[in-house]
Amino acid sequence: MEKNDKPGHNKPDNTNGQHNQLTVQVRYQSEAVSVTTNINASVTSLLEKAIVETQNNSVPKERFQLKLDGTVLDPNKKINDYPINNGSLLVLTLLAGGGGNGSIC
């Protein structure tokens, strides 16, 4: 087997006996939830799970972003593209809204 030294590949091979699984903590506002995912999944997949676990299903996923140590995770990348390990803390935040189209007189 070939060794892969890319960031995020220094994780244990299992969590709860599941190969390539890891569990992270996702904080939204003041509460944190556990989210289990595959290290080969997309950041979008993790984002969708985090939205469900934090009970934010009524808000479109495009309005959210995940951050790791202040860095916004690219939803088009895979989880293993980042140095995310078991127990890592990710922060789920709403994107800043546009100012709208109205003008103030």
N, C-alpha and C. Protein backbone atom coordinates (compact mmCIF):
# COMPACT_ATOMS: atom_id res chain seq x y z
N MET A 1 0.84 -1.18 0.00
CA MET A 1 0.00 0.00 0.00
C MET A 1 0.88 1.24 0.00
N GLU A 2 0.55 2.21 -0.81
CA GLU A 2 1.30 3.43 -0.95
C GLU A 2 0.93 4.41 0.15
N LYS A 3 1.94 5.07 0.72
CA LYS A 3 1.70 6.06 1.78
C LYS A 3 1.29 7.38 1.15
N ASN A 4 0.29 8.02 1.74
CA ASN A 4 -0.18 9.30 1.27
C ASN A 4 0.07 10.32 2.36
N ASP A 5 0.91 11.32 2.08
CA ASP A 5 1.27 12.33 3.08
C ASP A 5 0.51 13.63 2.94
N LYS A 6 -0.58 13.63 2.14
CA LYS A 6 -1.38 14.84 2.00
C LYS A 6 -1.98 15.21 3.34
N PRO A 7 -2.25 16.51 3.56
CA PRO A 7 -2.91 16.91 4.81
C PRO A 7 -4.21 16.14 5.01
N GLY A 8 -4.45 15.76 6.25
CA GLY A 8 -5.69 15.06 6.55
C GLY A 8 -5.57 13.56 6.46
N HIS A 9 -4.43 13.05 5.99
CA HIS A 9 -4.29 11.61 5.84
C HIS A 9 -3.62 10.96 7.04
N ASN A 10 -3.40 11.69 8.10
CA ASN A 10 -2.79 11.12 9.30
C ASN A 10 -3.85 10.68 10.30
N LYS A 11 -5.04 10.40 9.82
CA LYS A 11 -6.14 9.97 10.68
C LYS A 11 -6.06 8.48 10.95
N PRO A 12 -6.64 8.03 12.04
CA PRO A 12 -6.76 6.59 12.23
C PRO A 12 -7.64 6.00 11.14
N ASP A 13 -7.47 4.71 10.86
CA ASP A 13 -8.24 4.06 9.80
C ASP A 13 -9.69 3.86 10.16
N ASN A 14 -10.06 3.99 11.43
CA ASN A 14 -11.46 3.73 11.75
C ASN A 14 -11.93 4.52 12.95
N THR A 15 -13.22 4.66 13.00
CA THR A 15 -13.94 5.22 14.13
C THR A 15 -15.13 4.31 14.31
N ASN A 16 -15.28 3.77 15.49
CA ASN A 16 -16.37 2.83 15.75
C ASN A 16 -16.31 1.65 14.78
N GLY A 17 -15.10 1.23 14.38
CA GLY A 17 -14.96 0.07 13.52
C GLY A 17 -15.25 0.34 12.05
N GLN A 18 -15.49 1.56 11.66
CA GLN A 18 -15.82 1.90 10.28
C GLN A 18 -14.57 2.41 9.58
N HIS A 19 -14.16 1.75 8.50
CA HIS A 19 -12.98 2.15 7.74
C HIS A 19 -13.23 3.51 7.08
N ASN A 20 -12.24 4.39 7.16
CA ASN A 20 -12.28 5.72 6.55
C ASN A 20 -13.33 6.65 7.15
N GLN A 21 -13.82 6.37 8.33
CA GLN A 21 -14.81 7.23 8.98
C GLN A 21 -14.12 8.10 10.02
N LEU A 22 -14.61 9.30 10.20
CA LEU A 22 -14.16 10.12 11.30
C LEU A 22 -15.34 10.91 11.83
N THR A 23 -15.22 11.30 13.08
CA THR A 23 -16.27 12.08 13.74
C THR A 23 -15.67 13.41 14.13
N VAL A 24 -16.33 14.48 13.71
CA VAL A 24 -15.89 15.83 14.03
C VAL A 24 -16.96 16.50 14.88
N GLN A 25 -16.58 17.56 15.52
CA GLN A 25 -17.52 18.39 16.26
C GLN A 25 -17.83 19.60 15.38
N VAL A 26 -19.10 19.90 15.22
CA VAL A 26 -19.52 21.06 14.44
C VAL A 26 -20.26 22.00 15.37
N ARG A 27 -19.74 23.22 15.48
CA ARG A 27 -20.37 24.22 16.35
C ARG A 27 -21.18 25.18 15.49
N TYR A 28 -22.41 25.40 15.91
CA TYR A 28 -23.26 26.42 15.31
C TYR A 28 -23.78 27.28 16.44
N GLN A 29 -23.49 28.55 16.40
CA GLN A 29 -23.78 29.49 17.47
C GLN A 29 -23.10 28.98 18.74
N SER A 30 -23.83 28.61 19.77
CA SER A 30 -23.17 28.20 21.01
C SER A 30 -23.21 26.70 21.26
N GLU A 31 -23.80 25.93 20.35
CA GLU A 31 -23.92 24.49 20.56
C GLU A 31 -23.08 23.72 19.56
N ALA A 32 -22.55 22.58 20.02
CA ALA A 32 -21.76 21.71 19.15
C ALA A 32 -22.44 20.35 19.05
N VAL A 33 -22.36 19.76 17.87
CA VAL A 33 -22.90 18.42 17.63
C VAL A 33 -21.81 17.57 17.00
N SER A 34 -21.95 16.27 17.13
CA SER A 34 -21.02 15.33 16.50
C SER A 34 -21.55 14.95 15.13
N VAL A 35 -20.66 14.91 14.15
CA VAL A 35 -21.02 14.51 12.81
C VAL A 35 -20.00 13.49 12.34
N THR A 36 -20.49 12.32 11.90
CA THR A 36 -19.62 11.27 11.40
C THR A 36 -19.72 11.24 9.89
N THR A 37 -18.56 11.14 9.23
CA THR A 37 -18.53 11.15 7.78
C THR A 37 -17.35 10.34 7.28
N ASN A 38 -17.30 10.11 6.00
CA ASN A 38 -16.19 9.41 5.35
C ASN A 38 -15.14 10.44 4.98
N ILE A 39 -13.86 10.13 5.20
CA ILE A 39 -12.80 11.09 4.90
C ILE A 39 -12.69 11.37 3.41
N ASN A 40 -13.25 10.50 2.57
CA ASN A 40 -13.19 10.69 1.12
C ASN A 40 -14.41 11.44 0.58
N ALA A 41 -15.34 11.80 1.46
CA ALA A 41 -16.55 12.52 1.04
C ALA A 41 -16.21 13.98 0.75
N SER A 42 -17.12 14.64 0.09
CA SER A 42 -16.94 16.06 -0.21
C SER A 42 -17.26 16.90 1.02
N VAL A 43 -16.70 18.10 1.03
CA VAL A 43 -17.03 19.04 2.09
C VAL A 43 -18.52 19.36 2.05
N THR A 44 -19.11 19.38 0.85
CA THR A 44 -20.55 19.61 0.71
C THR A 44 -21.35 18.55 1.46
N SER A 45 -20.93 17.31 1.37
CA SER A 45 -21.60 16.22 2.08
C SER A 45 -21.53 16.45 3.60
N LEU A 46 -20.37 16.83 4.09
CA LEU A 46 -20.22 17.13 5.51
C LEU A 46 -21.08 18.33 5.90
N LEU A 47 -21.11 19.34 5.06
CA LEU A 47 -21.94 20.52 5.31
C LEU A 47 -23.41 20.14 5.43
N GLU A 48 -23.89 19.29 4.51
CA GLU A 48 -25.29 18.86 4.54
C GLU A 48 -25.60 18.11 5.83
N LYS A 49 -24.69 17.23 6.26
CA LYS A 49 -24.90 16.50 7.52
C LYS A 49 -24.91 17.45 8.70
N ALA A 50 -24.02 18.44 8.68
CA ALA A 50 -23.95 19.40 9.78
C ALA A 50 -25.23 20.22 9.86
N ILE A 51 -25.78 20.59 8.72
CA ILE A 51 -27.04 21.36 8.70
C ILE A 51 -28.17 20.54 9.32
N VAL A 52 -28.24 19.27 8.99
CA VAL A 52 -29.27 18.39 9.56
C VAL A 52 -29.07 18.24 11.07
N GLU A 53 -27.84 17.96 11.49
CA GLU A 53 -27.56 17.74 12.92
C GLU A 53 -27.79 18.98 13.77
N THR A 54 -27.60 20.16 13.18
CA THR A 54 -27.83 21.40 13.93
C THR A 54 -29.25 21.92 13.75
N GLN A 55 -30.07 21.14 13.06
CA GLN A 55 -31.49 21.45 12.85
C GLN A 55 -31.71 22.78 12.12
N ASN A 56 -30.91 22.98 11.08
CA ASN A 56 -31.05 24.17 10.25
C ASN A 56 -31.59 23.83 8.86
N ASN A 57 -32.41 22.79 8.78
CA ASN A 57 -32.94 22.30 7.50
C ASN A 57 -33.76 23.33 6.75
N SER A 58 -34.29 24.33 7.43
CA SER A 58 -35.17 25.30 6.76
C SER A 58 -34.38 26.37 5.99
N VAL A 59 -33.07 26.40 6.16
CA VAL A 59 -32.24 27.38 5.48
C VAL A 59 -31.50 26.67 4.35
N PRO A 60 -31.47 27.23 3.14
CA PRO A 60 -30.77 26.59 2.02
C PRO A 60 -29.29 26.39 2.33
N LYS A 61 -28.75 25.25 1.94
CA LYS A 61 -27.35 24.93 2.25
C LYS A 61 -26.37 25.94 1.65
N GLU A 62 -26.78 26.60 0.57
CA GLU A 62 -25.91 27.59 -0.07
C GLU A 62 -25.66 28.80 0.82
N ARG A 63 -26.45 28.95 1.87
CA ARG A 63 -26.29 30.08 2.80
C ARG A 63 -25.31 29.78 3.92
N PHE A 64 -24.77 28.54 3.97
CA PHE A 64 -23.86 28.14 5.04
C PHE A 64 -22.46 27.89 4.52
N GLN A 65 -21.52 27.96 5.43
CA GLN A 65 -20.15 27.56 5.14
C GLN A 65 -19.57 26.89 6.38
N LEU A 66 -18.57 26.05 6.17
CA LEU A 66 -17.85 25.41 7.26
C LEU A 66 -16.46 26.01 7.34
N LYS A 67 -16.00 26.21 8.58
CA LYS A 67 -14.66 26.76 8.80
C LYS A 67 -13.86 25.83 9.70
N LEU A 68 -12.58 25.75 9.42
CA LEU A 68 -11.63 25.02 10.25
C LEU A 68 -10.54 26.01 10.64
N ASP A 69 -10.44 26.31 11.92
CA ASP A 69 -9.45 27.28 12.40
C ASP A 69 -9.52 28.60 11.64
N GLY A 70 -10.72 29.08 11.34
CA GLY A 70 -10.90 30.35 10.67
C GLY A 70 -10.81 30.29 9.15
N THR A 71 -10.42 29.15 8.61
CA THR A 71 -10.32 28.98 7.16
C THR A 71 -11.62 28.41 6.62
N VAL A 72 -12.20 29.06 5.62
CA VAL A 72 -13.42 28.56 5.00
C VAL A 72 -13.07 27.36 4.13
N LEU A 73 -13.80 26.26 4.34
CA LEU A 73 -13.57 25.04 3.57
C LEU A 73 -14.26 25.15 2.21
N ASP A 74 -13.54 24.81 1.16
CA ASP A 74 -14.08 24.84 -0.20
C ASP A 74 -15.04 23.67 -0.36
N PRO A 75 -16.32 23.93 -0.64
CA PRO A 75 -17.30 22.84 -0.75
C PRO A 75 -17.01 21.88 -1.90
N ASN A 76 -16.17 22.28 -2.85
CA ASN A 76 -15.84 21.42 -3.98
C ASN A 76 -14.68 20.47 -3.70
N LYS A 77 -14.04 20.64 -2.55
CA LYS A 77 -12.93 19.76 -2.19
C LYS A 77 -13.42 18.60 -1.33
N LYS A 78 -12.54 17.65 -1.11
CA LYS A 78 -12.84 16.51 -0.26
C LYS A 78 -12.37 16.79 1.17
N ILE A 79 -12.96 16.09 2.10
CA ILE A 79 -12.60 16.27 3.51
C ILE A 79 -11.12 15.98 3.72
N ASN A 80 -10.60 14.95 3.04
CA ASN A 80 -9.20 14.59 3.24
C ASN A 80 -8.23 15.55 2.57
N ASP A 81 -8.73 16.61 1.92
CA ASP A 81 -7.86 17.66 1.40
C ASP A 81 -7.45 18.63 2.50
N TYR A 82 -8.07 18.51 3.67
CA TYR A 82 -7.81 19.39 4.80
C TYR A 82 -7.27 18.58 5.96
N PRO A 83 -6.56 19.22 6.90
CA PRO A 83 -6.04 18.51 8.08
C PRO A 83 -7.12 18.31 9.14
N ILE A 84 -8.18 17.60 8.75
CA ILE A 84 -9.30 17.34 9.66
C ILE A 84 -9.10 15.94 10.25
N ASN A 85 -9.12 15.86 11.56
CA ASN A 85 -8.92 14.60 12.28
C ASN A 85 -10.13 14.30 13.14
N ASN A 86 -10.18 13.09 13.70
CA ASN A 86 -11.22 12.76 14.67
C ASN A 86 -11.23 13.81 15.77
N GLY A 87 -12.40 14.34 16.07
CA GLY A 87 -12.54 15.32 17.13
C GLY A 87 -12.27 16.75 16.73
N SER A 88 -11.86 16.99 15.48
CA SER A 88 -11.62 18.37 15.03
C SER A 88 -12.89 19.20 15.22
N LEU A 89 -12.71 20.47 15.54
CA LEU A 89 -13.84 21.38 15.71
C LEU A 89 -13.99 22.21 14.44
N LEU A 90 -15.14 22.08 13.80
CA LEU A 90 -15.49 22.89 12.65
C LEU A 90 -16.59 23.84 13.08
N VAL A 91 -16.65 24.99 12.44
CA VAL A 91 -17.67 25.98 12.78
C VAL A 91 -18.58 26.17 11.57
N LEU A 92 -19.87 26.02 11.80
CA LEU A 92 -20.88 26.23 10.78
C LEU A 92 -21.38 27.67 10.92
N THR A 93 -21.27 28.44 9.84
CA THR A 93 -21.70 29.84 9.90
C THR A 93 -22.57 30.17 8.70
N LEU A 94 -23.42 31.15 8.88
CA LEU A 94 -24.21 31.69 7.78
C LEU A 94 -23.35 32.66 7.01
N LEU A 95 -23.50 32.64 5.70
CA LEU A 95 -22.80 33.63 4.88
C LEU A 95 -23.44 34.99 5.10
N ALA A 96 -22.66 36.02 4.99
CA ALA A 96 -23.20 37.37 5.11
C ALA A 96 -24.17 37.61 3.96
N GLY A 97 -25.32 38.20 4.27
CA GLY A 97 -26.33 38.44 3.25
C GLY A 97 -25.98 39.63 2.37
N GLY A 98 -26.57 39.63 1.20
CA GLY A 98 -26.43 40.78 0.32
C GLY A 98 -27.26 41.93 0.87
N GLY A 99 -26.97 43.10 0.52
CA GLY A 99 -27.66 44.26 1.07
C GLY A 99 -29.06 44.46 0.53
N GLY A 100 -29.48 43.64 -0.43
CA GLY A 100 -30.79 43.83 -1.00
C GLY A 100 -30.73 44.82 -2.16
N ASN A 101 -31.84 45.00 -2.82
CA ASN A 101 -31.88 45.87 -3.99
C ASN A 101 -32.53 47.22 -3.72
N GLY A 102 -33.06 47.39 -2.54
CA GLY A 102 -33.74 48.65 -2.24
C GLY A 102 -32.76 49.77 -1.98
N SER A 103 -33.23 50.97 -2.12
CA SER A 103 -32.38 52.14 -1.80
C SER A 103 -33.01 52.88 -0.64
N ILE A 104 -32.16 53.58 0.07
CA ILE A 104 -32.62 54.37 1.21
C ILE A 104 -32.68 55.82 0.77
N CYS A 105 -33.82 56.43 1.01
CA CYS A 105 -33.99 57.84 0.61
C CYS A 105 -33.65 58.76 1.75
